[in-house]
């Protein structure tokens, strides 16, 4: 009975707050002469703060047109904005900036949804050793990470040198599909020097940038390494979940002036690899069995950073040169 009453009270509060919010919006429009979309665009700076407010306003609207505007085809965005302006009785000649601002927001919102679809497609595609393109990408990964060491054969224990678990890497891509390979190759190709350094440090952590005195000062005497490729696939999983949950909206809405793309996602992966590598060394785990604990702690730190509406996970290295800050 108590549970039922609690549920009833929560439902009543929900509808009461929803009714109160609609009343408040009505009063604000009468007082300011502007609809909620206008107030957001004129009073909120560009970036995640504005786009996320616009997204919430459109999604929670009672108008079907506004609700569906967040999922239109990119080519239909201009017409959708015209329809919204007409619905809201806003003269585009008197309010030209509103259309421009709404277009920028919708490009980001629709682009984010499309990016999820693109990433999901790669994640669901399994690695196929009979596919020449897949094999070529895998061999390139070796070439970029070990440019001075020829791969003796396709099936080889050498793969363990870059962090795979066995003599055939295809089995390690099961969890993240081609997405894991795409990300690893992107990191190794676009930021070769950094990727090779991270690989070297993962194999020989005491040979990293820290001096012996720094190791002793930080009490990092254990210096446990990790499997580079396996961690890369794991960080791909982290990036994927941050994307699907919406946590990366803050980042992408702040760094992509229009629609975020797969390149933006891969640049974010590079950043996460860099940051996790530093975090792992600073945590100085007892052994590799502590990986899940360190990863979870790292995940919580990234999520906390992304809760800041001004946050942009902008990596400062070669792979990020294409990023554009708003």
C-alpha atoms as a PDB file:
ATOM      1  CA  UNK A   1       0.000   0.000   0.000  1.00  0.00           C
ATOM      2  CA  UNK A   2       2.839   2.387   0.902  1.00  0.00           C
ATOM      3  CA  UNK A   3       4.555   1.624  -2.369  1.00  0.00           C
ATOM      4  CA  UNK A   4       1.357   2.383  -4.296  1.00  0.00           C
ATOM      5  CA  UNK A   5       0.905   5.718  -2.468  1.00  0.00           C
ATOM      6  CA  UNK A   6       4.517   6.651  -3.166  1.00  0.00           C
ATOM      7  CA  UNK A   7       4.049   5.886  -6.844  1.00  0.00           C
ATOM      8  CA  UNK A   8       0.806   7.879  -6.930  1.00  0.00           C
ATOM      9  CA  UNK A   9       2.461  10.890  -5.304  1.00  0.00           C
ATOM     10  CA  UNK A  10       5.359  10.747  -7.801  1.00  0.00           C
ATOM     11  CA  UNK A  11       2.952  10.606 -10.752  1.00  0.00           C
ATOM     12  CA  UNK A  12       0.945  13.534  -9.382  1.00  0.00           C
ATOM     13  CA  UNK A  13       4.124  15.564  -8.815  1.00  0.00           C
ATOM     14  CA  UNK A  14       5.254  14.834 -12.358  1.00  0.00           C
ATOM     15  CA  UNK A  15       2.061  16.102 -13.956  1.00  0.00           C
ATOM     16  CA  UNK A  16       1.906  19.051 -11.559  1.00  0.00           C
ATOM     17  CA  UNK A  17       5.459  20.120 -12.441  1.00  0.00           C
ATOM     18  CA  UNK A  18       4.761  19.628 -16.135  1.00  0.00           C
ATOM     19  CA  UNK A  19       1.625  21.785 -15.900  1.00  0.00           C
ATOM     20  CA  UNK A  20       3.474  24.400 -13.840  1.00  0.00           C
ATOM     21  CA  UNK A  21       6.311  24.497 -16.390  1.00  0.00           C
ATOM     22  CA  UNK A  22       3.912  25.049 -19.281  1.00  0.00           C
ATOM     23  CA  UNK A  23       2.236  27.864 -17.341  1.00  0.00           C
ATOM     24  CA  UNK A  24       5.620  29.440 -16.660  1.00  0.00           C
ATOM     25  CA  UNK A  25       6.548  29.229 -20.369  1.00  0.00           C
ATOM     26  CA  UNK A  26       3.242  30.907 -21.270  1.00  0.00           C
ATOM     27  CA  UNK A  27       3.849  33.722 -18.783  1.00  0.00           C
ATOM     28  CA  UNK A  28       7.454  34.214 -19.988  1.00  0.00           C
ATOM     29  CA  UNK A  29       6.302  34.471 -23.585  1.00  0.00           C
ATOM     30  CA  UNK A  30       3.719  37.105 -22.668  1.00  0.00           C
ATOM     31  CA  UNK A  31       6.241  39.085 -20.636  1.00  0.00           C
ATOM     32  CA  UNK A  32       9.165  38.913 -23.091  1.00  0.00           C
ATOM     33  CA  UNK A  33       7.327  38.568 -26.380  1.00  0.00           C
ATOM     34  CA  UNK A  34       9.629  35.631 -27.213  1.00  0.00           C
ATOM     35  CA  UNK A  35       9.081  31.880 -27.340  1.00  0.00           C
ATOM     36  CA  UNK A  36      11.343  29.502 -25.415  1.00  0.00           C
ATOM     37  CA  UNK A  37      13.522  28.782 -28.478  1.00  0.00           C
ATOM     38  CA  UNK A  38      14.148  32.509 -28.925  1.00  0.00           C
ATOM     39  CA  UNK A  39      15.007  33.013 -25.272  1.00  0.00           C
ATOM     40  CA  UNK A  40      17.497  30.142 -25.363  1.00  0.00           C
ATOM     41  CA  UNK A  41      19.204  31.310 -28.568  1.00  0.00           C
ATOM     42  CA  UNK A  42      19.428  34.943 -27.467  1.00  0.00           C
ATOM     43  CA  UNK A  43      20.393  34.357 -23.829  1.00  0.00           C
ATOM     44  CA  UNK A  44      22.704  31.303 -24.018  1.00  0.00           C
ATOM     45  CA  UNK A  45      26.168  31.258 -25.567  1.00  0.00           C
ATOM     46  CA  UNK A  46      26.862  28.903 -28.511  1.00  0.00           C
ATOM     47  CA  UNK A  47      28.045  25.411 -27.745  1.00  0.00           C
ATOM     48  CA  UNK A  48      26.811  22.615 -25.525  1.00  0.00           C
ATOM     49  CA  UNK A  49      24.875  24.913 -23.176  1.00  0.00           C
ATOM     50  CA  UNK A  50      22.707  26.258 -26.002  1.00  0.00           C
ATOM     51  CA  UNK A  51      22.379  23.077 -28.076  1.00  0.00           C
ATOM     52  CA  UNK A  52      21.411  20.874 -25.129  1.00  0.00           C
ATOM     53  CA  UNK A  53      18.752  23.365 -24.014  1.00  0.00           C
ATOM     54  CA  UNK A  54      17.377  23.564 -27.560  1.00  0.00           C
ATOM     55  CA  UNK A  55      17.353  19.762 -27.762  1.00  0.00           C
ATOM     56  CA  UNK A  56      15.439  19.454 -24.486  1.00  0.00           C
ATOM     57  CA  UNK A  57      12.958  22.155 -25.509  1.00  0.00           C
ATOM     58  CA  UNK A  58      12.249  20.484 -28.864  1.00  0.00           C
ATOM     59  CA  UNK A  59      12.011  16.977 -27.445  1.00  0.00           C
ATOM     60  CA  UNK A  60       9.666  17.977 -24.597  1.00  0.00           C
ATOM     61  CA  UNK A  61       7.413  20.143 -26.736  1.00  0.00           C
ATOM     62  CA  UNK A  62       3.751  19.219 -27.149  1.00  0.00           C
ATOM     63  CA  UNK A  63       4.094  19.992 -30.873  1.00  0.00           C
ATOM     64  CA  UNK A  64       4.746  16.949 -33.061  1.00  0.00           C
ATOM     65  CA  UNK A  65       6.730  19.100 -35.485  1.00  0.00           C
ATOM     66  CA  UNK A  66       9.141  20.194 -32.769  1.00  0.00           C
ATOM     67  CA  UNK A  67       9.426  16.687 -31.307  1.00  0.00           C
ATOM     68  CA  UNK A  68      10.394  15.138 -34.655  1.00  0.00           C
ATOM     69  CA  UNK A  69      12.748  17.960 -35.648  1.00  0.00           C
ATOM     70  CA  UNK A  70      15.589  16.366 -33.645  1.00  0.00           C
ATOM     71  CA  UNK A  71      15.557  13.289 -35.893  1.00  0.00           C
ATOM     72  CA  UNK A  72      15.049  14.722 -39.395  1.00  0.00           C
ATOM     73  CA  UNK A  73      17.407  14.044 -42.278  1.00  0.00           C
ATOM     74  CA  UNK A  74      20.243  16.613 -42.460  1.00  0.00           C
ATOM     75  CA  UNK A  75      18.997  17.730 -45.881  1.00  0.00           C
ATOM     76  CA  UNK A  76      15.603  18.580 -44.346  1.00  0.00           C
ATOM     77  CA  UNK A  77      16.935  20.831 -41.583  1.00  0.00           C
ATOM     78  CA  UNK A  78      16.456  24.132 -43.445  1.00  0.00           C
ATOM     79  CA  UNK A  79      12.832  23.328 -44.283  1.00  0.00           C
ATOM     80  CA  UNK A  80      12.235  22.149 -40.711  1.00  0.00           C
ATOM     81  CA  UNK A  81      13.488  25.493 -39.388  1.00  0.00           C
ATOM     82  CA  UNK A  82      11.177  27.341 -41.781  1.00  0.00           C
ATOM     83  CA  UNK A  83       8.275  25.234 -40.505  1.00  0.00           C
ATOM     84  CA  UNK A  84       9.219  25.961 -36.881  1.00  0.00           C
ATOM     85  CA  UNK A  85       9.421  29.706 -37.550  1.00  0.00           C
ATOM     86  CA  UNK A  86       5.998  29.581 -39.191  1.00  0.00           C
ATOM     87  CA  UNK A  87       4.527  27.529 -36.338  1.00  0.00           C
ATOM     88  CA  UNK A  88       5.901  29.960 -33.755  1.00  0.00           C
ATOM     89  CA  UNK A  89       4.798  32.964 -35.860  1.00  0.00           C
ATOM     90  CA  UNK A  90       8.341  34.337 -35.977  1.00  0.00           C
ATOM     91  CA  UNK A  91       9.260  36.651 -38.826  1.00  0.00           C
ATOM     92  CA  UNK A  92      12.649  35.476 -40.207  1.00  0.00           C
ATOM     93  CA  UNK A  93      13.365  38.950 -41.628  1.00  0.00           C
ATOM     94  CA  UNK A  94      13.047  40.511 -38.165  1.00  0.00           C
ATOM     95  CA  UNK A  95      14.807  37.586 -36.429  1.00  0.00           C
ATOM     96  CA  UNK A  96      17.474  36.408 -38.943  1.00  0.00           C
ATOM     97  CA  UNK A  97      19.902  35.230 -36.228  1.00  0.00           C
ATOM     98  CA  UNK A  98      17.349  32.806 -34.786  1.00  0.00           C
ATOM     99  CA  UNK A  99      17.270  30.710 -37.950  1.00  0.00           C
ATOM    100  CA  UNK A 100      21.078  30.592 -38.089  1.00  0.00           C
ATOM    101  CA  UNK A 101      21.325  29.568 -34.426  1.00  0.00           C
ATOM    102  CA  UNK A 102      18.626  26.912 -34.739  1.00  0.00           C
ATOM    103  CA  UNK A 103      20.308  25.490 -37.826  1.00  0.00           C
ATOM    104  CA  UNK A 104      23.642  25.171 -36.005  1.00  0.00           C
ATOM    105  CA  UNK A 105      21.948  23.425 -33.081  1.00  0.00           C
ATOM    106  CA  UNK A 106      19.947  21.037 -35.257  1.00  0.00           C
ATOM    107  CA  UNK A 107      23.020  20.111 -37.293  1.00  0.00           C
ATOM    108  CA  UNK A 108      24.746  19.083 -34.064  1.00  0.00           C
ATOM    109  CA  UNK A 109      21.703  17.269 -32.635  1.00  0.00           C
ATOM    110  CA  UNK A 110      20.916  15.342 -35.824  1.00  0.00           C
ATOM    111  CA  UNK A 111      24.628  14.754 -36.453  1.00  0.00           C
ATOM    112  CA  UNK A 112      25.084  13.215 -33.002  1.00  0.00           C
ATOM    113  CA  UNK A 113      22.241  10.754 -33.628  1.00  0.00           C
ATOM    114  CA  UNK A 114      23.704   9.842 -37.024  1.00  0.00           C
ATOM    115  CA  UNK A 115      27.146   9.415 -35.473  1.00  0.00           C
ATOM    116  CA  UNK A 116      25.713   6.873 -33.031  1.00  0.00           C
ATOM    117  CA  UNK A 117      24.284   4.959 -36.011  1.00  0.00           C
ATOM    118  CA  UNK A 118      27.643   5.034 -37.853  1.00  0.00           C
ATOM    119  CA  UNK A 119      29.568   3.877 -34.783  1.00  0.00           C
ATOM    120  CA  UNK A 120      27.010   1.162 -34.044  1.00  0.00           C
ATOM    121  CA  UNK A 121      27.307  -0.139 -37.611  1.00  0.00           C
ATOM    122  CA  UNK A 122      31.076  -0.548 -37.217  1.00  0.00           C
ATOM    123  CA  UNK A 123      30.662  -2.144 -33.804  1.00  0.00           C
ATOM    124  CA  UNK A 124      28.231  -4.731 -35.183  1.00  0.00           C
ATOM    125  CA  UNK A 125      30.449  -5.646 -38.143  1.00  0.00           C
ATOM    126  CA  UNK A 126      32.615  -8.618 -37.239  1.00  0.00           C
ATOM    127  CA  UNK A 127      36.233  -8.919 -38.272  1.00  0.00           C
ATOM    128  CA  UNK A 128      36.453 -11.232 -41.294  1.00  0.00           C
ATOM    129  CA  UNK A 129      39.845 -12.673 -42.129  1.00  0.00           C
ATOM    130  CA  UNK A 130      38.547 -13.468 -45.634  1.00  0.00           C
ATOM    131  CA  UNK A 131      37.867  -9.774 -46.241  1.00  0.00           C
ATOM    132  CA  UNK A 132      40.928  -8.167 -47.905  1.00  0.00           C
ATOM    133  CA  UNK A 133      40.045  -4.722 -46.515  1.00  0.00           C
ATOM    134  CA  UNK A 134      39.918  -6.026 -42.944  1.00  0.00           C
ATOM    135  CA  UNK A 135      43.213  -7.845 -43.377  1.00  0.00           C
ATOM    136  CA  UNK A 136      44.835  -4.774 -44.888  1.00  0.00           C
ATOM    137  CA  UNK A 137      43.772  -2.619 -41.925  1.00  0.00           C
ATOM    138  CA  UNK A 138      45.177  -5.148 -39.461  1.00  0.00           C
ATOM    139  CA  UNK A 139      48.524  -5.367 -41.262  1.00  0.00           C
ATOM    140  CA  UNK A 140      48.691  -1.566 -41.412  1.00  0.00           C
ATOM    141  CA  UNK A 141      48.186  -1.453 -37.652  1.00  0.00           C
ATOM    142  CA  UNK A 142      51.324  -3.567 -37.219  1.00  0.00           C
ATOM    143  CA  UNK A 143      53.238  -1.450 -39.730  1.00  0.00           C
ATOM    144  CA  UNK A 144      52.336   1.816 -37.976  1.00  0.00           C
ATOM    145  CA  UNK A 145      53.176   0.514 -34.493  1.00  0.00           C
ATOM    146  CA  UNK A 146      56.278  -1.523 -35.418  1.00  0.00           C
ATOM    147  CA  UNK A 147      57.682   0.206 -38.518  1.00  0.00           C
ATOM    148  CA  UNK A 148      61.142  -1.299 -38.075  1.00  0.00           C
ATOM    149  CA  UNK A 149      60.035  -4.866 -37.335  1.00  0.00           C
ATOM    150  CA  UNK A 150      58.617  -6.962 -40.198  1.00  0.00           C
ATOM    151  CA  UNK A 151      55.726  -9.279 -39.383  1.00  0.00           C
ATOM    152  CA  UNK A 152      56.984 -12.796 -40.080  1.00  0.00           C
ATOM    153  CA  UNK A 153      53.547 -14.227 -40.872  1.00  0.00           C
ATOM    154  CA  UNK A 154      49.855 -13.350 -40.567  1.00  0.00           C
ATOM    155  CA  UNK A 155      49.378 -15.925 -37.801  1.00  0.00           C
ATOM    156  CA  UNK A 156      52.203 -15.190 -35.392  1.00  0.00           C
ATOM    157  CA  UNK A 157      53.060 -14.808 -31.733  1.00  0.00           C
ATOM    158  CA  UNK A 158      54.461 -11.416 -32.712  1.00  0.00           C
ATOM    159  CA  UNK A 159      50.946  -9.954 -32.330  1.00  0.00           C
ATOM    160  CA  UNK A 160      51.429 -10.250 -28.568  1.00  0.00           C
ATOM    161  CA  UNK A 161      54.161  -7.590 -28.891  1.00  0.00           C
ATOM    162  CA  UNK A 162      51.500  -4.948 -29.587  1.00  0.00           C
ATOM    163  CA  UNK A 163      49.113  -6.250 -26.960  1.00  0.00           C
ATOM    164  CA  UNK A 164      46.920  -8.910 -28.568  1.00  0.00           C
ATOM    165  CA  UNK A 165      46.182 -12.064 -26.594  1.00  0.00           C
ATOM    166  CA  UNK A 166      47.158 -14.719 -29.105  1.00  0.00           C
ATOM    167  CA  UNK A 167      48.673 -15.397 -32.497  1.00  0.00           C
ATOM    168  CA  UNK A 168      45.539 -14.251 -34.401  1.00  0.00           C
ATOM    169  CA  UNK A 169      44.126 -10.827 -33.407  1.00  0.00           C
ATOM    170  CA  UNK A 170      40.740 -11.461 -35.053  1.00  0.00           C
ATOM    171  CA  UNK A 171      39.485 -13.209 -31.917  1.00  0.00           C
ATOM    172  CA  UNK A 172      40.124 -10.095 -29.814  1.00  0.00           C
ATOM    173  CA  UNK A 173      37.803  -7.931 -31.928  1.00  0.00           C
ATOM    174  CA  UNK A 174      34.648  -9.883 -31.021  1.00  0.00           C
ATOM    175  CA  UNK A 175      33.413  -7.438 -28.411  1.00  0.00           C
ATOM    176  CA  UNK A 176      33.748  -4.197 -30.394  1.00  0.00           C
ATOM    177  CA  UNK A 177      33.856  -5.565 -33.936  1.00  0.00           C
ATOM    178  CA  UNK A 178      35.581  -3.428 -36.561  1.00  0.00           C
ATOM    179  CA  UNK A 179      35.195  -0.337 -34.384  1.00  0.00           C
ATOM    180  CA  UNK A 180      38.110  -1.466 -32.210  1.00  0.00           C
ATOM    181  CA  UNK A 181      40.359  -1.955 -35.240  1.00  0.00           C
ATOM    182  CA  UNK A 182      39.294   1.364 -36.805  1.00  0.00           C
ATOM    183  CA  UNK A 183      40.174   3.236 -33.605  1.00  0.00           C
ATOM    184  CA  UNK A 184      43.508   1.499 -33.063  1.00  0.00           C
ATOM    185  CA  UNK A 185      44.578   2.081 -36.661  1.00  0.00           C
ATOM    186  CA  UNK A 186      43.480   5.723 -36.512  1.00  0.00           C
ATOM    187  CA  UNK A 187      45.565   6.305 -33.377  1.00  0.00           C
ATOM    188  CA  UNK A 188      48.596   4.460 -34.775  1.00  0.00           C
ATOM    189  CA  UNK A 189      48.439   6.260 -38.137  1.00  0.00           C
ATOM    190  CA  UNK A 190      47.372   9.813 -37.225  1.00  0.00           C
ATOM    191  CA  UNK A 191      49.515  10.097 -34.114  1.00  0.00           C
ATOM    192  CA  UNK A 192      52.234   7.545 -34.826  1.00  0.00           C
ATOM    193  CA  UNK A 193      54.909   8.919 -32.495  1.00  0.00           C
ATOM    194  CA  UNK A 194      52.552   9.117 -29.512  1.00  0.00           C
ATOM    195  CA  UNK A 195      51.020   5.684 -30.204  1.00  0.00           C
ATOM    196  CA  UNK A 196      54.464   4.077 -30.432  1.00  0.00           C
ATOM    197  CA  UNK A 197      55.477   5.783 -27.191  1.00  0.00           C
ATOM    198  CA  UNK A 198      52.349   4.587 -25.376  1.00  0.00           C
ATOM    199  CA  UNK A 199      52.992   1.068 -26.711  1.00  0.00           C
ATOM    200  CA  UNK A 200      56.596   1.199 -25.502  1.00  0.00           C
ATOM    201  CA  UNK A 201      55.547   2.472 -22.082  1.00  0.00           C
ATOM    202  CA  UNK A 202      52.885  -0.232 -21.776  1.00  0.00           C
ATOM    203  CA  UNK A 203      55.548  -2.875 -22.354  1.00  0.00           C
ATOM    204  CA  UNK A 204      58.288  -1.194 -20.315  1.00  0.00           C
ATOM    205  CA  UNK A 205      56.586   1.256 -17.925  1.00  0.00           C
ATOM    206  CA  UNK A 206      59.804   2.071 -16.066  1.00  0.00           C
ATOM    207  CA  UNK A 207      61.316   3.301 -19.320  1.00  0.00           C
ATOM    208  CA  UNK A 208      58.643   5.956 -19.734  1.00  0.00           C
ATOM    209  CA  UNK A 209      59.116   9.710 -19.383  1.00  0.00           C
ATOM    210  CA  UNK A 210      59.438   9.461 -15.576  1.00  0.00           C
ATOM    211  CA  UNK A 211      62.985   9.446 -14.267  1.00  0.00           C
ATOM    212  CA  UNK A 212      64.117   6.995 -11.598  1.00  0.00           C
ATOM    213  CA  UNK A 213      63.909   9.770  -8.984  1.00  0.00           C
ATOM    214  CA  UNK A 214      60.350  10.561 -10.034  1.00  0.00           C
ATOM    215  CA  UNK A 215      59.371   6.899  -9.807  1.00  0.00           C
ATOM    216  CA  UNK A 216      60.743   6.758  -6.257  1.00  0.00           C
ATOM    217  CA  UNK A 217      59.144  10.066  -5.284  1.00  0.00           C
ATOM    218  CA  UNK A 218      55.757   8.905  -6.564  1.00  0.00           C
ATOM    219  CA  UNK A 219      56.358   5.470  -5.007  1.00  0.00           C
ATOM    220  CA  UNK A 220      55.596   3.833  -8.319  1.00  0.00           C
ATOM    221  CA  UNK A 221      57.989   0.991  -7.729  1.00  0.00           C
ATOM    222  CA  UNK A 222      55.764  -1.747  -9.186  1.00  0.00           C
ATOM    223  CA  UNK A 223      55.368  -0.236 -12.667  1.00  0.00           C
ATOM    224  CA  UNK A 224      52.857  -2.754 -14.019  1.00  0.00           C
ATOM    225  CA  UNK A 225      52.382  -2.636 -17.779  1.00  0.00           C
ATOM    226  CA  UNK A 226      49.341  -3.641 -19.826  1.00  0.00           C
ATOM    227  CA  UNK A 227      48.341  -5.066 -23.210  1.00  0.00           C
ATOM    228  CA  UNK A 228      48.184  -2.087 -25.570  1.00  0.00           C
ATOM    229  CA  UNK A 229      45.741  -3.513 -28.162  1.00  0.00           C
ATOM    230  CA  UNK A 230      43.412  -5.094 -25.595  1.00  0.00           C
ATOM    231  CA  UNK A 231      43.293  -1.848 -23.614  1.00  0.00           C
ATOM    232  CA  UNK A 232      42.628   0.016 -26.867  1.00  0.00           C
ATOM    233  CA  UNK A 233      39.608  -2.196 -27.536  1.00  0.00           C
ATOM    234  CA  UNK A 234      38.500  -1.666 -23.937  1.00  0.00           C
ATOM    235  CA  UNK A 235      38.830   2.118 -24.263  1.00  0.00           C
ATOM    236  CA  UNK A 236      36.833   1.843 -27.500  1.00  0.00           C
ATOM    237  CA  UNK A 237      34.075   0.256 -25.414  1.00  0.00           C
ATOM    238  CA  UNK A 238      34.318   3.157 -22.964  1.00  0.00           C
ATOM    239  CA  UNK A 239      34.101   5.746 -25.761  1.00  0.00           C
ATOM    240  CA  UNK A 240      31.169   3.873 -27.315  1.00  0.00           C
ATOM    241  CA  UNK A 241      29.198   3.844 -24.068  1.00  0.00           C
ATOM    242  CA  UNK A 242      29.928   7.518 -23.423  1.00  0.00           C
ATOM    243  CA  UNK A 243      28.590   8.265 -26.910  1.00  0.00           C
ATOM    244  CA  UNK A 244      25.423   6.147 -26.661  1.00  0.00           C
ATOM    245  CA  UNK A 245      24.577   7.388 -23.161  1.00  0.00           C
ATOM    246  CA  UNK A 246      24.759  10.994 -24.365  1.00  0.00           C
ATOM    247  CA  UNK A 247      27.651  11.869 -22.055  1.00  0.00           C
ATOM    248  CA  UNK A 248      29.775  12.959 -25.036  1.00  0.00           C
ATOM    249  CA  UNK A 249      27.214  15.539 -26.162  1.00  0.00           C
ATOM    250  CA  UNK A 250      28.932  18.156 -24.031  1.00  0.00           C
ATOM    251  CA  UNK A 251      32.234  17.491 -25.771  1.00  0.00           C
ATOM    252  CA  UNK A 252      30.962  17.227 -29.340  1.00  0.00           C
ATOM    253  CA  UNK A 253      28.581  20.181 -29.094  1.00  0.00           C
ATOM    254  CA  UNK A 254      31.524  22.297 -27.933  1.00  0.00           C
ATOM    255  CA  UNK A 255      34.087  21.221 -30.535  1.00  0.00           C
ATOM    256  CA  UNK A 256      32.038  20.484 -33.666  1.00  0.00           C
ATOM    257  CA  UNK A 257      30.482  23.666 -35.121  1.00  0.00           C
ATOM    258  CA  UNK A 258      28.195  21.499 -37.238  1.00  0.00           C
ATOM    259  CA  UNK A 259      27.564  17.740 -37.268  1.00  0.00           C
ATOM    260  CA  UNK A 260      30.053  15.606 -35.276  1.00  0.00           C
ATOM    261  CA  UNK A 261      31.639  12.934 -37.457  1.00  0.00           C
ATOM    262  CA  UNK A 262      33.385   9.593 -37.086  1.00  0.00           C
ATOM    263  CA  UNK A 263      36.711  11.461 -37.140  1.00  0.00           C
ATOM    264  CA  UNK A 264      35.619  13.442 -34.071  1.00  0.00           C
ATOM    265  CA  UNK A 265      34.822  10.155 -32.326  1.00  0.00           C
ATOM    266  CA  UNK A 266      38.203   8.667 -33.253  1.00  0.00           C
ATOM    267  CA  UNK A 267      40.013  11.807 -32.078  1.00  0.00           C
ATOM    268  CA  UNK A 268      38.171  11.439 -28.783  1.00  0.00           C
ATOM    269  CA  UNK A 269      39.375   7.829 -28.598  1.00  0.00           C
ATOM    270  CA  UNK A 270      42.964   9.045 -29.064  1.00  0.00           C
ATOM    271  CA  UNK A 271      42.489  11.502 -26.218  1.00  0.00           C
ATOM    272  CA  UNK A 272      41.076   8.791 -23.951  1.00  0.00           C
ATOM    273  CA  UNK A 273      44.010   6.485 -24.744  1.00  0.00           C
ATOM    274  CA  UNK A 274      46.471   9.232 -23.824  1.00  0.00           C
ATOM    275  CA  UNK A 275      44.640  10.081 -20.623  1.00  0.00           C
ATOM    276  CA  UNK A 276      44.124   6.475 -19.553  1.00  0.00           C
ATOM    277  CA  UNK A 277      47.806   5.731 -20.080  1.00  0.00           C
ATOM    278  CA  UNK A 278      48.800   8.611 -17.791  1.00  0.00           C
ATOM    279  CA  UNK A 279      46.101   7.628 -15.303  1.00  0.00           C
ATOM    280  CA  UNK A 280      47.288   4.006 -15.215  1.00  0.00           C
ATOM    281  CA  UNK A 281      50.860   5.038 -14.419  1.00  0.00           C
ATOM    282  CA  UNK A 282      49.703   7.482 -11.737  1.00  0.00           C
ATOM    283  CA  UNK A 283      47.469   4.831 -10.126  1.00  0.00           C
ATOM    284  CA  UNK A 284      50.423   2.411 -10.014  1.00  0.00           C
ATOM    285  CA  UNK A 285      48.270  -0.747  -9.669  1.00  0.00           C
ATOM    286  CA  UNK A 286      49.555  -3.805  -7.819  1.00  0.00           C
ATOM    287  CA  UNK A 287      48.967  -6.022 -10.862  1.00  0.00           C
ATOM    288  CA  UNK A 288      46.945  -6.283 -14.061  1.00  0.00           C
ATOM    289  CA  UNK A 289      44.031  -7.724 -12.071  1.00  0.00           C
ATOM    290  CA  UNK A 290      43.344  -4.172 -10.899  1.00  0.00           C
ATOM    291  CA  UNK A 291      42.533  -3.091 -14.445  1.00  0.00           C
ATOM    292  CA  UNK A 292      38.750  -2.998 -13.927  1.00  0.00           C
ATOM    293  CA  UNK A 293      39.115  -0.885 -10.781  1.00  0.00           C
ATOM    294  CA  UNK A 294      41.398   1.608 -12.511  1.00  0.00           C
ATOM    295  CA  UNK A 295      39.191   1.723 -15.596  1.00  0.00           C
ATOM    296  CA  UNK A 296      36.061   2.389 -13.546  1.00  0.00           C
ATOM    297  CA  UNK A 297      37.788   5.146 -11.617  1.00  0.00           C
ATOM    298  CA  UNK A 298      38.953   6.654 -14.916  1.00  0.00           C
ATOM    299  CA  UNK A 299      35.425   6.402 -16.374  1.00  0.00           C
ATOM    300  CA  UNK A 300      33.952   8.271 -13.416  1.00  0.00           C
ATOM    301  CA  UNK A 301      36.546  11.021 -13.762  1.00  0.00           C
ATOM    302  CA  UNK A 302      35.745  11.499 -17.474  1.00  0.00           C
ATOM    303  CA  UNK A 303      31.987  11.549 -16.806  1.00  0.00           C
ATOM    304  CA  UNK A 304      32.475  14.135 -14.088  1.00  0.00           C
ATOM    305  CA  UNK A 305      34.446  16.320 -16.506  1.00  0.00           C
ATOM    306  CA  UNK A 306      31.732  15.969 -19.148  1.00  0.00           C
ATOM    307  CA  UNK A 307      29.077  17.214 -16.716  1.00  0.00           C
ATOM    308  CA  UNK A 308      30.592  20.668 -17.122  1.00  0.00           C
ATOM    309  CA  UNK A 309      28.672  22.290 -20.030  1.00  0.00           C
ATOM    310  CA  UNK A 310      31.831  24.156 -21.089  1.00  0.00           C
ATOM    311  CA  UNK A 311      33.935  20.991 -21.208  1.00  0.00           C
ATOM    312  CA  UNK A 312      35.724  19.889 -24.373  1.00  0.00           C
ATOM    313  CA  UNK A 313      38.052  16.885 -24.268  1.00  0.00           C
ATOM    314  CA  UNK A 314      40.445  18.561 -26.677  1.00  0.00           C
ATOM    315  CA  UNK A 315      43.602  16.492 -27.061  1.00  0.00           C
ATOM    316  CA  UNK A 316      46.748  18.476 -27.759  1.00  0.00           C
ATOM    317  CA  UNK A 317      48.555  16.209 -30.179  1.00  0.00           C
ATOM    318  CA  UNK A 318      48.752  15.417 -33.892  1.00  0.00           C
ATOM    319  CA  UNK A 319      45.443  13.534 -34.236  1.00  0.00           C
ATOM    320  CA  UNK A 320      43.498  16.529 -32.930  1.00  0.00           C
ATOM    321  CA  UNK A 321      44.690  19.117 -35.418  1.00  0.00           C
ATOM    322  CA  UNK A 322      41.375  18.964 -37.263  1.00  0.00           C
ATOM    323  CA  UNK A 323      39.312  19.863 -34.219  1.00  0.00           C
ATOM    324  CA  UNK A 324      37.564  23.237 -34.337  1.00  0.00           C
ATOM    325  CA  UNK A 325      36.571  25.005 -31.142  1.00  0.00           C
ATOM    326  CA  UNK A 326      33.388  27.013 -31.212  1.00  0.00           C
END
